[in-house]
């Protein structure tokens, strides 16, 4: 069974915008972000694949032209629709995806299932 949590009303995430959120996985508090990329909703864990630090600088995930996500520390460039690093020190690796769903005008983040307890 998938876990999910509310994010925001769909109207609060228009194209070209992002929204950060906190979630817990494997007992660790993590940060994620959702984005509306030209009408496509995506979400990822907010951690660069080079060194796991947040990509953003005060919620700013997009390159200046709005076409890609960028790690503000390392300059790694990521394709927003699939999270794949196309330039920089983590070339070829991908951001860890999450899923955003629209439920009657409200956006929800679908979180990864917790691994089974040993």
Protein backbone atom coordinates (compact mmCIF):
# COMPACT_ATOMS: atom_id res chain seq x y z
CA UNK A 1 0.00 0.00 0.00
CA UNK A 2 1.44 3.36 -1.03
CA UNK A 3 1.76 6.20 1.42
CA UNK A 4 0.76 9.70 0.41
CA UNK A 5 0.56 13.17 1.88
CA UNK A 6 -1.17 16.38 0.82
CA UNK A 7 0.95 18.96 -1.01
CA UNK A 8 -1.23 21.93 -2.03
CA UNK A 9 -4.19 22.94 -4.18
CA UNK A 10 -3.39 22.35 -7.87
CA UNK A 11 -3.93 26.07 -8.55
CA UNK A 12 -0.99 26.83 -6.23
CA UNK A 13 1.48 25.00 -8.52
CA UNK A 14 1.12 26.63 -11.97
CA UNK A 15 3.58 25.84 -14.82
CA UNK A 16 7.15 26.92 -14.06
CA UNK A 17 6.79 26.73 -10.28
CA UNK A 18 8.00 24.39 -7.56
CA UNK A 19 6.99 23.56 -4.01
CA UNK A 20 9.15 21.92 -1.33
CA UNK A 21 7.86 19.43 1.21
CA UNK A 22 9.16 17.20 3.99
CA UNK A 23 8.65 13.44 4.17
CA UNK A 24 10.03 10.54 6.17
CA UNK A 25 11.58 7.45 4.62
CA UNK A 26 13.47 4.72 6.46
CA UNK A 27 12.99 6.75 9.63
CA UNK A 28 14.91 9.70 8.16
CA UNK A 29 13.38 13.13 7.62
CA UNK A 30 13.96 14.11 3.99
CA UNK A 31 13.09 17.03 1.76
CA UNK A 32 11.39 16.73 -1.59
CA UNK A 33 10.14 19.10 -4.23
CA UNK A 34 7.32 19.05 -6.72
CA UNK A 35 7.34 21.01 -9.97
CA UNK A 36 4.93 21.86 -12.71
CA UNK A 37 6.98 21.53 -15.89
CA UNK A 38 4.91 22.92 -18.76
CA UNK A 39 1.79 21.27 -17.34
CA UNK A 40 3.48 18.01 -16.29
CA UNK A 41 3.68 17.36 -12.54
CA UNK A 42 6.89 15.80 -11.25
CA UNK A 43 8.44 15.29 -7.82
CA UNK A 44 11.86 14.25 -6.59
CA UNK A 45 13.84 13.94 -3.41
CA UNK A 46 15.70 17.23 -3.04
CA UNK A 47 19.21 15.78 -3.10
CA UNK A 48 21.90 16.21 -5.74
CA UNK A 49 23.21 12.89 -7.02
CA UNK A 50 26.83 14.11 -6.83
CA UNK A 51 26.81 14.82 -3.10
CA UNK A 52 23.43 14.50 -1.35
CA UNK A 53 22.80 18.15 -0.54
CA UNK A 54 19.72 20.16 -1.59
CA UNK A 55 19.62 21.31 -5.20
CA UNK A 56 17.96 24.61 -4.53
CA UNK A 57 18.82 27.97 -3.13
CA UNK A 58 15.66 29.21 -1.38
CA UNK A 59 13.25 27.21 -3.56
CA UNK A 60 14.93 28.11 -6.86
CA UNK A 61 15.28 24.82 -8.80
CA UNK A 62 15.08 25.92 -12.44
CA UNK A 63 17.88 27.25 -14.64
CA UNK A 64 17.48 30.91 -15.59
CA UNK A 65 15.74 29.91 -18.86
CA UNK A 66 13.32 27.64 -16.94
CA UNK A 67 14.19 24.58 -19.04
CA UNK A 68 16.13 22.43 -16.55
CA UNK A 69 16.70 21.84 -12.85
CA UNK A 70 20.12 22.89 -11.55
CA UNK A 71 22.13 22.09 -8.45
CA UNK A 72 23.07 25.52 -7.14
CA UNK A 73 26.20 24.10 -5.47
CA UNK A 74 27.70 21.86 -8.17
CA UNK A 75 26.08 23.20 -11.34
CA UNK A 76 24.71 19.76 -12.27
CA UNK A 77 21.89 20.07 -14.81
CA UNK A 78 18.91 17.70 -14.69
CA UNK A 79 16.15 16.98 -17.21
CA UNK A 80 12.99 17.96 -15.32
CA UNK A 81 10.66 15.31 -16.74
CA UNK A 82 12.86 12.29 -15.95
CA UNK A 83 15.36 13.66 -13.40
CA UNK A 84 18.40 12.48 -15.38
CA UNK A 85 21.63 14.46 -14.96
CA UNK A 86 22.72 15.63 -18.41
CA UNK A 87 25.65 17.84 -17.39
CA UNK A 88 27.96 18.02 -14.41
CA UNK A 89 29.66 15.76 -11.90
CA UNK A 90 26.81 13.25 -11.65
CA UNK A 91 26.32 12.73 -15.40
CA UNK A 92 23.93 9.89 -16.17
CA UNK A 93 22.56 9.47 -12.64
CA UNK A 94 18.97 10.49 -11.92
CA UNK A 95 17.21 12.28 -9.12
CA UNK A 96 15.18 9.95 -6.89
CA UNK A 97 11.61 10.23 -8.19
CA UNK A 98 8.42 10.61 -6.24
CA UNK A 99 4.97 10.94 -7.76
CA UNK A 100 2.42 13.75 -7.64
CA UNK A 101 -1.26 13.09 -8.28
CA UNK A 102 -4.17 15.49 -8.66
CA UNK A 103 -7.16 14.37 -6.62
CA UNK A 104 -10.11 16.64 -7.36
CA UNK A 105 -7.96 19.77 -7.54
CA UNK A 106 -5.71 18.88 -4.61
CA UNK A 107 -2.15 17.68 -5.20
CA UNK A 108 -0.83 14.74 -3.21
CA UNK A 109 2.69 13.30 -3.12
CA UNK A 110 2.88 9.51 -3.33
CA UNK A 111 5.77 8.43 -1.12
CA UNK A 112 7.92 5.31 -1.47
CA UNK A 113 6.83 2.30 0.53
CA UNK A 114 8.93 1.68 3.60
CA UNK A 115 11.14 -1.40 3.35
CA UNK A 116 9.92 -4.37 5.38
CA UNK A 117 11.13 -4.56 8.97
CA UNK A 118 13.79 -7.18 9.56
